[in-house]
N, C-alpha and C. Protein backbone atom coordinates (compact mmCIF):
# COMPACT_ATOMS: atom_id res chain seq x y z
N MET A 1 3.71 25.70 -10.43
CA MET A 1 5.23 25.41 -10.03
C MET A 1 5.02 24.19 -10.95
N THR A 2 5.89 23.63 -11.91
CA THR A 2 5.95 22.53 -12.44
C THR A 2 7.12 21.87 -11.60
N TRP A 3 6.82 20.02 -11.69
CA TRP A 3 6.91 19.38 -10.96
C TRP A 3 7.98 18.03 -11.83
N PHE A 4 9.03 18.31 -11.32
CA PHE A 4 10.34 17.06 -12.09
C PHE A 4 11.35 16.73 -10.83
N ILE A 5 11.47 15.30 -10.94
CA ILE A 5 11.95 15.06 -9.76
C ILE A 5 12.41 13.67 -10.55
N ARG A 6 13.90 12.87 -9.75
CA ARG A 6 14.26 12.15 -10.11
C ARG A 6 13.96 11.28 -8.11
N PHE A 7 13.86 9.65 -9.20
CA PHE A 7 13.69 8.92 -7.66
C PHE A 7 14.23 7.55 -8.20
N ASN A 8 14.90 7.45 -7.20
CA ASN A 8 16.00 6.04 -6.88
C ASN A 8 14.92 4.83 -7.24
N LYS A 9 14.58 4.16 -7.51
CA LYS A 9 13.28 3.21 -7.53
C LYS A 9 14.16 1.73 -6.82
N PRO A 10 13.32 1.44 -5.54
CA PRO A 10 14.40 0.23 -5.12
C PRO A 10 13.60 -0.88 -5.59
N TYR A 11 14.01 -2.23 -5.44
CA TYR A 11 13.99 -3.75 -5.70
C TYR A 11 12.10 -3.92 -5.65
N ASP A 12 11.79 -4.70 -6.41
CA ASP A 12 10.04 -4.96 -6.04
C ASP A 12 8.88 -3.98 -5.80
N VAL A 13 9.40 -2.83 -6.31
CA VAL A 13 8.53 -1.56 -6.42
C VAL A 13 7.81 -1.02 -7.58
N LEU A 14 6.55 -1.52 -7.90
CA LEU A 14 5.66 -0.60 -8.87
C LEU A 14 5.87 0.94 -9.17
N SER A 15 5.97 0.58 -10.74
CA SER A 15 6.37 1.58 -11.36
C SER A 15 5.14 3.00 -11.42
N GLN A 16 4.73 2.53 -10.92
CA GLN A 16 3.29 3.22 -11.13
C GLN A 16 2.94 3.81 -9.54
N PHE A 17 1.32 4.68 -9.40
CA PHE A 17 1.27 4.35 -7.84
C PHE A 17 -0.10 3.87 -6.96
N THR A 18 -0.86 2.78 -8.15
CA THR A 18 -1.65 2.20 -6.87
C THR A 18 -0.74 1.03 -7.69
N ASP A 19 -1.67 0.18 -6.93
CA ASP A 19 -1.40 -1.52 -7.47
C ASP A 19 -2.57 -1.97 -7.79
N PRO A 20 -3.04 -2.32 -8.78
CA PRO A 20 -4.19 -2.67 -9.60
C PRO A 20 -4.30 -4.28 -9.33
N GLY A 21 -3.17 -5.10 -8.38
CA GLY A 21 -3.22 -6.68 -8.17
C GLY A 21 -4.20 -6.78 -7.53
N THR A 22 -4.48 -8.21 -6.48
CA THR A 22 -5.30 -8.16 -5.67
C THR A 22 -4.43 -7.67 -3.89
N ALA A 23 -6.47 -7.10 -4.05
CA ALA A 23 -7.03 -6.04 -2.19
C ALA A 23 -5.82 -7.03 -1.60
N GLY A 24 -5.89 -8.17 -1.35
CA GLY A 24 -5.45 -9.09 0.34
C GLY A 24 -4.13 -8.76 0.57
N SER A 25 -2.80 -8.95 -0.80
CA SER A 25 -1.60 -8.77 -0.34
C SER A 25 -1.24 -7.58 -1.45
N PRO A 26 -1.27 -6.22 -0.47
CA PRO A 26 -0.54 -5.13 -1.49
C PRO A 26 0.58 -4.79 -1.85
N ARG A 27 1.20 -4.33 -2.92
CA ARG A 27 2.56 -3.78 -3.34
C ARG A 27 2.66 -3.26 -2.98
N GLN A 28 4.51 -2.87 -3.07
CA GLN A 28 5.01 -1.12 -2.51
C GLN A 28 4.12 -0.29 -3.83
N THR A 29 3.69 0.59 -4.09
CA THR A 29 4.05 1.45 -5.29
C THR A 29 4.49 3.10 -5.01
N LEU A 30 5.12 3.47 -6.08
CA LEU A 30 5.29 4.64 -6.20
C LEU A 30 4.88 5.62 -4.77
N SER A 31 3.38 4.98 -4.31
CA SER A 31 2.68 6.29 -3.67
C SER A 31 3.29 6.30 -1.90
N ASP A 32 4.04 5.05 -1.91
CA ASP A 32 4.82 4.31 -0.76
C ASP A 32 6.02 5.62 -0.69
N PHE A 33 6.49 6.24 -1.68
CA PHE A 33 7.92 6.98 -1.98
C PHE A 33 7.59 8.41 -1.67
N ILE A 34 6.06 8.68 -2.79
CA ILE A 34 6.62 10.02 -3.63
C ILE A 34 5.15 10.20 -2.62
N ASP A 35 4.34 11.55 -2.14
CA ASP A 35 3.17 12.30 -2.26
C ASP A 35 3.10 13.74 -2.80
N LEU A 36 3.04 13.31 -4.54
CA LEU A 36 2.89 14.32 -4.56
C LEU A 36 1.68 14.87 -5.55
N PRO A 37 0.79 15.49 -5.71
CA PRO A 37 0.16 14.71 -6.76
C PRO A 37 0.15 15.75 -8.21
N GLY A 38 -0.62 15.03 -9.13
CA GLY A 38 -0.18 15.38 -10.37
C GLY A 38 0.67 15.24 -10.89
N VAL A 39 1.85 14.56 -10.26
CA VAL A 39 3.49 14.36 -10.67
C VAL A 39 3.25 12.53 -11.18
N TYR A 40 3.52 12.00 -12.71
CA TYR A 40 3.73 11.30 -12.69
C TYR A 40 4.92 10.39 -13.69
N PRO A 41 5.12 9.25 -13.85
CA PRO A 41 6.67 8.43 -14.07
C PRO A 41 6.51 9.01 -15.69
N ALA A 42 7.99 8.98 -15.99
CA ALA A 42 7.77 9.37 -17.36
C ALA A 42 8.92 8.29 -18.26
N GLY A 43 7.84 7.34 -18.43
CA GLY A 43 8.35 5.53 -18.08
C GLY A 43 7.90 5.07 -17.43
N ARG A 44 8.46 3.39 -17.62
CA ARG A 44 8.30 2.46 -16.91
C ARG A 44 9.88 1.81 -16.05
N LEU A 45 9.49 1.06 -14.82
CA LEU A 45 10.44 0.74 -15.04
C LEU A 45 10.40 -1.24 -14.56
N ASP A 46 10.53 -2.40 -14.56
CA ASP A 46 9.54 -3.15 -14.03
C ASP A 46 10.00 -3.32 -12.57
N ARG A 47 8.54 -3.78 -11.94
CA ARG A 47 8.92 -3.93 -10.57
C ARG A 47 10.60 -5.10 -9.88
N ASP A 48 10.56 -5.70 -10.79
CA ASP A 48 12.46 -6.62 -9.96
C ASP A 48 13.34 -5.85 -10.72
N SER A 49 13.24 -4.65 -11.56
CA SER A 49 13.92 -3.78 -11.61
C SER A 49 14.81 -2.48 -10.55
N GLU A 50 15.27 -1.84 -10.72
CA GLU A 50 15.24 -0.66 -9.69
C GLU A 50 16.43 0.35 -10.26
N GLY A 51 16.54 1.50 -9.80
CA GLY A 51 17.23 2.28 -10.32
C GLY A 51 16.40 4.15 -10.54
N LEU A 52 16.82 4.50 -11.71
CA LEU A 52 16.31 6.11 -12.40
C LEU A 52 15.11 5.96 -12.66
N MET A 53 14.41 6.84 -11.99
CA MET A 53 12.70 7.08 -12.55
C MET A 53 12.52 8.40 -12.86
N LEU A 54 12.46 9.01 -13.54
CA LEU A 54 12.09 10.48 -13.74
C LEU A 54 10.04 10.61 -13.81
N LEU A 55 10.00 11.83 -13.20
CA LEU A 55 8.72 11.79 -12.55
C LEU A 55 8.14 13.34 -13.05
N THR A 56 7.58 13.89 -13.28
CA THR A 56 7.01 15.45 -13.93
C THR A 56 5.52 15.76 -13.69
N ASP A 57 5.05 16.65 -13.74
CA ASP A 57 3.25 16.99 -14.01
C ASP A 57 3.40 17.53 -15.40
N ASP A 58 4.55 17.61 -16.07
CA ASP A 58 4.16 18.20 -16.81
C ASP A 58 4.23 17.31 -18.23
N GLY A 59 2.92 17.04 -19.13
CA GLY A 59 2.75 16.24 -20.20
C GLY A 59 3.65 16.24 -20.80
N ARG A 60 3.52 17.17 -22.03
CA ARG A 60 5.12 17.25 -22.73
C ARG A 60 6.72 16.45 -22.66
N LEU A 61 6.55 16.73 -21.06
CA LEU A 61 7.70 16.64 -20.85
C LEU A 61 7.84 15.37 -20.66
N GLN A 62 7.30 14.72 -19.91
CA GLN A 62 6.84 13.10 -19.71
C GLN A 62 6.57 12.71 -21.05
N ALA A 63 6.00 12.97 -22.09
CA ALA A 63 6.18 12.50 -23.07
C ALA A 63 7.19 12.32 -24.07
N ARG A 64 7.84 13.35 -23.94
CA ARG A 64 9.21 13.18 -24.77
C ARG A 64 10.17 12.57 -24.42
N ILE A 65 9.92 12.28 -22.63
CA ILE A 65 11.23 11.40 -22.35
C ILE A 65 11.06 9.86 -22.60
N ALA A 66 9.67 9.39 -22.31
CA ALA A 66 9.03 8.26 -22.33
C ALA A 66 8.80 7.89 -23.72
N ASP A 67 8.41 8.48 -24.59
CA ASP A 67 7.96 8.13 -25.93
C ASP A 67 9.31 6.87 -26.69
N PRO A 68 9.20 6.29 -26.89
CA PRO A 68 10.76 5.75 -27.64
C PRO A 68 10.88 6.09 -29.01
N ARG A 69 9.77 7.64 -29.77
CA ARG A 69 10.31 8.19 -30.92
C ARG A 69 10.98 8.60 -30.70
N HIS A 70 11.65 9.44 -29.50
CA HIS A 70 12.52 10.24 -29.08
C HIS A 70 13.84 9.80 -29.29
N LYS A 71 13.85 8.59 -28.83
CA LYS A 71 15.13 7.66 -29.20
C LYS A 71 15.93 8.30 -27.82
N MET A 72 15.62 8.74 -26.61
CA MET A 72 16.23 9.00 -25.24
C MET A 72 17.01 7.98 -24.89
N PRO A 73 17.86 8.03 -25.17
CA PRO A 73 19.60 7.21 -24.50
C PRO A 73 19.04 6.59 -22.26
N LYS A 74 18.92 5.66 -22.45
CA LYS A 74 18.87 4.80 -21.39
C LYS A 74 19.89 3.90 -20.77
N THR A 75 20.54 3.94 -20.26
CA THR A 75 22.00 3.55 -19.80
C THR A 75 21.35 2.72 -18.28
N TYR A 76 22.08 0.86 -18.13
CA TYR A 76 21.43 0.38 -17.36
C TYR A 76 23.06 -0.50 -16.57
N TRP A 77 22.86 -0.79 -15.69
CA TRP A 77 24.01 -1.86 -15.15
C TRP A 77 23.47 -3.39 -15.13
N ALA A 78 23.72 -4.11 -15.57
CA ALA A 78 22.98 -5.50 -15.85
C ALA A 78 23.86 -6.68 -15.15
N GLN A 79 23.87 -6.82 -13.99
CA GLN A 79 24.90 -8.18 -13.30
C GLN A 79 23.80 -9.31 -13.68
N VAL A 80 24.75 -10.10 -14.68
CA VAL A 80 24.74 -10.91 -15.48
C VAL A 80 25.39 -12.17 -14.87
N GLU A 81 25.20 -13.55 -15.48
CA GLU A 81 25.19 -14.91 -15.45
C GLU A 81 26.65 -14.78 -16.21
N GLY A 82 27.16 -15.20 -15.80
CA GLY A 82 28.82 -15.89 -16.79
C GLY A 82 29.81 -14.52 -16.96
N ILE A 83 30.76 -14.49 -17.44
CA ILE A 83 31.59 -13.89 -18.27
C ILE A 83 31.37 -13.43 -19.92
N PRO A 84 30.56 -12.23 -20.49
CA PRO A 84 30.37 -11.89 -21.55
C PRO A 84 31.49 -11.70 -21.93
N ASP A 85 31.78 -12.94 -23.40
CA ASP A 85 33.07 -12.29 -24.03
C ASP A 85 33.48 -11.21 -25.42
N GLU A 86 34.15 -10.75 -25.62
CA GLU A 86 33.78 -9.75 -26.87
C GLU A 86 32.44 -9.62 -28.12
N ALA A 87 32.38 -11.27 -28.74
CA ALA A 87 31.36 -11.84 -29.35
C ALA A 87 30.52 -11.32 -29.15
N ASP A 88 29.91 -11.44 -27.63
CA ASP A 88 28.92 -11.36 -26.82
C ASP A 88 28.33 -9.70 -26.77
N LEU A 89 28.83 -8.81 -26.18
CA LEU A 89 29.29 -7.57 -26.62
C LEU A 89 28.61 -7.04 -28.09
N ARG A 90 29.62 -7.75 -28.40
CA ARG A 90 29.43 -7.01 -30.08
C ARG A 90 27.77 -7.95 -31.06
N ALA A 91 27.38 -8.81 -30.38
CA ALA A 91 26.36 -9.12 -30.57
C ALA A 91 25.21 -8.57 -29.91
N LEU A 92 25.03 -7.34 -29.01
CA LEU A 92 24.45 -6.55 -28.02
C LEU A 92 24.42 -5.26 -28.87
N ALA A 93 25.86 -4.88 -29.09
CA ALA A 93 25.94 -4.09 -29.67
C ALA A 93 24.85 -3.39 -30.95
N LYS A 94 24.87 -4.84 -31.85
CA LYS A 94 24.98 -4.82 -33.49
C LYS A 94 23.49 -4.57 -33.36
N GLY A 95 23.07 -5.32 -32.12
CA GLY A 95 21.45 -5.59 -32.32
C GLY A 95 21.20 -7.18 -32.04
N VAL A 96 20.15 -7.92 -31.49
CA VAL A 96 19.99 -8.79 -30.66
C VAL A 96 18.50 -9.14 -31.66
N GLU A 97 18.48 -10.33 -31.88
CA GLU A 97 16.99 -10.65 -32.38
C GLU A 97 16.12 -11.39 -31.34
N LEU A 98 14.63 -10.74 -31.14
CA LEU A 98 13.57 -10.80 -29.90
C LEU A 98 12.83 -11.61 -30.99
N ASN A 99 11.62 -12.30 -29.83
CA ASN A 99 10.53 -12.21 -31.10
C ASN A 99 9.72 -11.42 -30.92
N ASP A 100 9.91 -10.52 -30.82
CA ASP A 100 9.74 -9.51 -31.55
C ASP A 100 10.62 -8.34 -32.53
N GLY A 101 11.22 -9.08 -32.92
CA GLY A 101 12.06 -8.24 -34.16
C GLY A 101 13.46 -8.37 -33.52
N LEU A 102 14.39 -7.29 -34.48
CA LEU A 102 15.84 -6.78 -33.68
C LEU A 102 15.86 -5.63 -33.34
N THR A 103 16.79 -5.79 -32.06
CA THR A 103 16.71 -4.73 -31.48
C THR A 103 17.71 -3.33 -32.13
N ARG A 104 17.43 -2.25 -31.72
CA ARG A 104 18.16 -1.35 -32.59
C ARG A 104 19.73 -1.01 -31.58
N PRO A 105 20.58 -0.47 -32.63
CA PRO A 105 22.06 -0.96 -31.95
C PRO A 105 22.17 -0.36 -30.78
N ALA A 106 23.00 -0.83 -30.07
CA ALA A 106 23.38 0.38 -28.61
C ALA A 106 25.24 -0.14 -28.49
N GLN A 107 24.96 0.22 -26.94
CA GLN A 107 25.95 0.31 -26.66
C GLN A 107 26.08 -0.55 -25.44
N ALA A 108 27.50 -1.40 -25.58
CA ALA A 108 27.77 -2.50 -24.17
C ALA A 108 28.89 -2.86 -24.06
N ARG A 109 29.35 -2.90 -22.87
CA ARG A 109 31.00 -2.93 -22.23
C ARG A 109 30.41 -3.55 -21.19
N LEU A 110 31.71 -4.23 -20.69
CA LEU A 110 32.06 -4.73 -19.30
C LEU A 110 32.40 -4.35 -18.64
N ILE A 111 31.67 -4.13 -17.48
CA ILE A 111 32.16 -2.58 -16.41
C ILE A 111 32.48 -3.93 -14.73
N ASP A 112 33.03 -2.91 -14.00
CA ASP A 112 33.90 -3.08 -12.67
C ASP A 112 32.26 -2.86 -12.12
N THR A 113 32.16 -3.87 -10.34
CA THR A 113 31.16 -3.80 -10.21
C THR A 113 30.57 -2.54 -9.84
N PRO A 114 29.80 -1.49 -9.88
CA PRO A 114 29.45 0.01 -9.75
C PRO A 114 29.55 0.51 -8.53
N ALA A 115 30.23 1.64 -8.64
CA ALA A 115 31.06 2.51 -7.50
C ALA A 115 29.71 2.47 -6.73
N ASP A 116 29.82 2.44 -5.07
CA ASP A 116 28.65 3.00 -4.12
C ASP A 116 27.52 2.33 -4.47
N LEU A 117 27.32 0.94 -5.06
CA LEU A 117 26.71 -0.09 -4.84
C LEU A 117 25.74 -0.33 -3.84
N TRP A 118 24.17 0.15 -3.80
CA TRP A 118 23.94 -0.09 -2.39
C TRP A 118 23.31 -1.90 -2.14
N PRO A 119 23.49 -2.24 -1.41
CA PRO A 119 23.13 -4.78 -1.24
C PRO A 119 21.09 -3.80 -1.89
N ARG A 120 20.50 -5.08 -2.47
CA ARG A 120 19.87 -5.48 -2.52
C ARG A 120 18.81 -6.50 -1.47
N THR A 121 18.10 -6.54 -1.44
CA THR A 121 16.72 -6.71 -0.48
C THR A 121 15.77 -7.69 -1.61
N PRO A 122 15.37 -8.70 -1.86
CA PRO A 122 16.29 -9.87 -0.95
C PRO A 122 17.90 -9.87 -1.81
N PRO A 123 19.09 -10.05 -1.90
CA PRO A 123 20.15 -10.20 -2.36
C PRO A 123 19.40 -11.21 -3.99
N ILE A 124 20.65 -11.21 -5.04
CA ILE A 124 20.65 -12.00 -6.19
C ILE A 124 20.69 -13.51 -5.81
N ARG A 125 20.44 -14.64 -6.55
CA ARG A 125 20.80 -16.14 -5.97
C ARG A 125 21.79 -16.11 -6.64
N VAL A 126 23.06 -16.95 -6.10
CA VAL A 126 24.26 -16.32 -6.08
C VAL A 126 24.08 -18.32 -6.23
N ARG A 127 24.94 -18.64 -7.15
CA ARG A 127 25.74 -19.83 -7.98
C ARG A 127 27.18 -20.04 -7.97
N LYS A 128 27.61 -21.16 -7.17
CA LYS A 128 29.26 -21.49 -6.65
C LYS A 128 30.04 -21.60 -8.03
N SER A 129 28.97 -22.35 -8.78
CA SER A 129 30.04 -23.00 -9.69
C SER A 129 29.73 -22.16 -11.35
N VAL A 130 29.38 -21.01 -10.64
CA VAL A 130 28.75 -19.96 -12.13
C VAL A 130 29.22 -18.72 -11.64
N PRO A 131 30.05 -18.07 -12.84
CA PRO A 131 30.86 -16.34 -12.18
C PRO A 131 29.94 -15.64 -12.31
N ASP A 132 29.34 -14.55 -12.36
CA ASP A 132 28.82 -13.39 -12.67
C ASP A 132 29.47 -12.22 -12.92
N SER A 133 28.86 -11.02 -13.54
CA SER A 133 30.33 -9.83 -14.04
C SER A 133 29.00 -8.80 -14.39
N TRP A 134 29.44 -7.78 -14.65
CA TRP A 134 28.45 -6.41 -14.57
C TRP A 134 28.58 -6.15 -16.07
N ILE A 135 27.69 -5.37 -16.67
CA ILE A 135 27.59 -4.94 -18.28
C ILE A 135 26.65 -3.68 -18.35
N GLU A 136 27.07 -2.91 -18.36
CA GLU A 136 26.72 -1.55 -18.72
C GLU A 136 25.91 -1.31 -19.77
N LEU A 137 24.72 -1.17 -20.21
CA LEU A 137 23.89 -1.55 -21.40
C LEU A 137 23.26 -0.30 -22.09
N THR A 138 23.22 0.41 -23.30
CA THR A 138 22.59 1.97 -23.29
C THR A 138 22.02 1.23 -24.75
N ILE A 139 20.91 1.49 -24.45
CA ILE A 139 19.35 1.09 -25.45
C ILE A 139 18.65 2.60 -25.67
N ARG A 140 18.17 2.97 -27.26
CA ARG A 140 17.34 4.15 -27.41
C ARG A 140 16.40 3.60 -27.60
N GLU A 141 15.57 2.42 -27.13
CA GLU A 141 14.33 2.10 -27.33
C GLU A 141 13.67 1.90 -25.95
N GLY A 142 12.18 1.19 -25.93
CA GLY A 142 12.30 0.77 -24.28
C GLY A 142 10.86 -0.87 -24.60
N ARG A 143 11.32 -1.63 -24.98
CA ARG A 143 10.46 -2.86 -25.23
C ARG A 143 10.71 -3.34 -23.80
N ASN A 144 8.98 -4.27 -23.46
CA ASN A 144 8.90 -4.72 -22.53
C ASN A 144 10.47 -6.03 -22.11
N ARG A 145 10.81 -5.52 -21.48
CA ARG A 145 11.73 -6.09 -19.86
C ARG A 145 13.41 -6.51 -21.42
N GLN A 146 13.70 -5.30 -22.09
CA GLN A 146 14.70 -5.68 -23.37
C GLN A 146 15.63 -5.89 -22.49
N VAL A 147 16.33 -5.88 -21.83
CA VAL A 147 17.91 -5.50 -21.30
C VAL A 147 17.68 -7.19 -20.72
N ARG A 148 16.78 -7.76 -20.18
CA ARG A 148 16.85 -8.82 -19.59
C ARG A 148 16.93 -10.09 -21.09
N ARG A 149 15.94 -9.59 -22.30
CA ARG A 149 15.35 -11.07 -22.99
C ARG A 149 17.00 -10.17 -23.83
N MET A 150 17.76 -9.26 -23.62
CA MET A 150 18.86 -9.03 -24.73
C MET A 150 20.40 -9.45 -23.97
N THR A 151 20.06 -9.58 -23.12
CA THR A 151 21.68 -10.39 -22.43
C THR A 151 21.03 -11.89 -22.14
N ALA A 152 19.95 -12.25 -22.31
CA ALA A 152 19.35 -14.09 -22.01
C ALA A 152 19.93 -14.58 -23.50
N ALA A 153 19.16 -13.55 -24.38
CA ALA A 153 19.05 -14.07 -25.93
C ALA A 153 21.39 -14.42 -26.35
N VAL A 154 22.21 -13.42 -25.73
CA VAL A 154 23.59 -13.64 -25.84
C VAL A 154 23.99 -15.19 -24.54
N GLY A 155 22.99 -15.26 -23.65
CA GLY A 155 23.71 -17.05 -23.18
C GLY A 155 23.78 -16.52 -21.87
N HIS A 156 23.62 -15.00 -21.20
CA HIS A 156 24.12 -14.03 -20.03
C HIS A 156 22.71 -14.19 -19.47
N PRO A 157 21.58 -14.31 -18.75
CA PRO A 157 20.64 -13.73 -18.02
C PRO A 157 21.17 -13.12 -16.97
N THR A 158 20.14 -12.06 -16.87
CA THR A 158 20.14 -11.18 -16.01
C THR A 158 20.02 -10.76 -14.67
N LEU A 159 20.98 -11.33 -13.43
CA LEU A 159 20.74 -11.13 -12.20
C LEU A 159 19.53 -9.59 -11.64
N ARG A 160 20.27 -9.24 -11.89
CA ARG A 160 20.35 -7.60 -10.99
C ARG A 160 20.47 -6.68 -12.14
N LEU A 161 19.14 -5.92 -12.22
CA LEU A 161 18.79 -4.68 -13.19
C LEU A 161 18.32 -3.20 -13.00
N ILE A 162 19.45 -1.83 -12.80
CA ILE A 162 19.99 -0.90 -12.45
C ILE A 162 20.15 -0.25 -13.60
N ARG A 163 18.85 0.61 -13.10
CA ARG A 163 18.50 1.98 -14.71
C ARG A 163 20.04 2.99 -13.58
N ALA A 164 20.79 3.18 -14.96
CA ALA A 164 21.35 4.70 -13.92
C ALA A 164 21.92 5.49 -14.58
N ARG A 165 20.87 5.79 -15.67
CA ARG A 165 21.50 7.39 -16.30
C ARG A 165 19.12 7.03 -17.85
N ILE A 166 19.03 7.83 -17.31
CA ILE A 166 18.36 8.02 -18.66
C ILE A 166 18.56 9.39 -19.54
N GLY A 167 19.11 9.90 -20.85
CA GLY A 167 19.52 10.58 -21.15
C GLY A 167 20.87 11.47 -20.23
N ASP A 168 20.87 13.13 -20.22
CA ASP A 168 21.87 13.18 -18.67
C ASP A 168 21.25 13.38 -17.61
N TRP A 169 20.24 12.72 -16.63
CA TRP A 169 19.72 12.82 -15.11
C TRP A 169 20.33 11.72 -15.69
N THR A 170 20.85 11.54 -13.65
CA THR A 170 21.76 10.11 -13.26
C THR A 170 20.62 9.59 -12.16
N ILE A 171 21.40 8.57 -11.36
CA ILE A 171 21.37 7.86 -10.06
C ILE A 171 22.10 8.78 -8.55
N ASP A 172 23.15 9.26 -9.54
CA ASP A 172 24.47 9.45 -8.93
C ASP A 172 23.63 10.55 -7.58
N GLY A 173 24.93 9.72 -6.44
CA GLY A 173 24.16 10.51 -4.68
C GLY A 173 22.93 10.36 -4.56
N LEU A 174 22.39 9.78 -5.30
CA LEU A 174 20.49 9.34 -4.70
C LEU A 174 20.47 7.54 -4.10
N ALA A 175 20.10 7.57 -3.34
CA ALA A 175 19.90 6.31 -2.46
C ALA A 175 18.39 5.49 -2.75
N PRO A 176 18.31 4.07 -3.03
CA PRO A 176 17.47 3.59 -3.29
C PRO A 176 16.07 4.27 -2.30
N GLY A 177 15.31 4.04 -2.94
CA GLY A 177 13.50 5.01 -2.12
C GLY A 177 13.49 6.59 -1.50
N HIS A 178 14.38 7.06 -2.21
CA HIS A 178 14.77 8.71 -2.23
C HIS A 178 14.55 9.30 -3.48
N TRP A 179 14.25 10.99 -3.27
CA TRP A 179 14.03 11.07 -4.54
C TRP A 179 14.34 12.64 -4.60
N ASP A 180 14.76 13.73 -5.43
CA ASP A 180 14.94 14.95 -5.52
C ASP A 180 13.97 15.74 -6.81
N THR A 181 13.84 17.34 -6.31
CA THR A 181 13.80 17.76 -7.37
C THR A 181 14.82 18.71 -8.44
N LEU A 182 14.46 18.46 -9.40
CA LEU A 182 15.20 18.88 -10.57
C LEU A 182 14.61 20.22 -11.48
N CYS A 183 14.85 21.38 -10.53
CA CYS A 183 14.20 22.89 -10.96
C CYS A 183 14.94 23.41 -11.27
N PRO A 184 14.73 24.33 -12.09
CA PRO A 184 13.46 24.17 -13.58
C PRO A 184 14.23 22.77 -13.80
N PRO A 185 12.72 22.46 -14.71
CA PRO A 185 12.88 20.68 -15.45
C PRO A 185 13.97 21.38 -17.00
N VAL A 186 15.33 20.50 -16.50
CA VAL A 186 15.60 20.83 -18.06
C VAL A 186 14.80 19.87 -18.95
N LYS A 187 15.41 21.02 -20.72
CA LYS A 187 14.59 20.07 -21.66
C LYS A 187 15.25 18.77 -22.30
N PRO A 188 14.97 17.94 -22.80
CA PRO A 188 16.28 16.53 -22.66
C PRO A 188 16.22 16.96 -23.62
N ARG A 189 18.04 16.06 -23.65
CA ARG A 189 18.75 16.45 -25.13
C ARG A 189 17.92 15.19 -26.20
N ARG A 190 18.30 15.06 -27.41
CA ARG A 190 17.74 14.53 -28.19
C ARG A 190 19.40 13.39 -28.42
């Protein structure tokens, strides 16, 4: 049987099954939530980010989802400092110059606070003098901390980041720290 699962990764969890860090203070990993031998993540999600991860024991499927050459869209909800204007959103959509080059074109729009959003522990820092807002950003590449660097580049640092979708798969109906199976696995769309 081929395993293909979706997992809603909580904040402060490593997107791997072991912690290469110090033995004195182990951090939470995928193994604290998923006990399926031979299953590996199809891509990474930073420790301080939350949301959808896909895992499988099918190496080809894993590579197809994770490899940036396949340009699978990934949609994020970013809670940012301030309220981006149309020029900020156009810059995100056109591509932002980062220290490792220009990002590919993306889709960017302001959204209301996502429905059924769970509280984050610990909560984000709130500054009474600076409003915050939510952006939905869909990218087709996966540079290190890319969404955070993109929002910062347009003057709106990310306070909270949630991956909501990878291709056709979403976190809809899946609580943080929970997973379910997607059987049989559906081949990802380009």
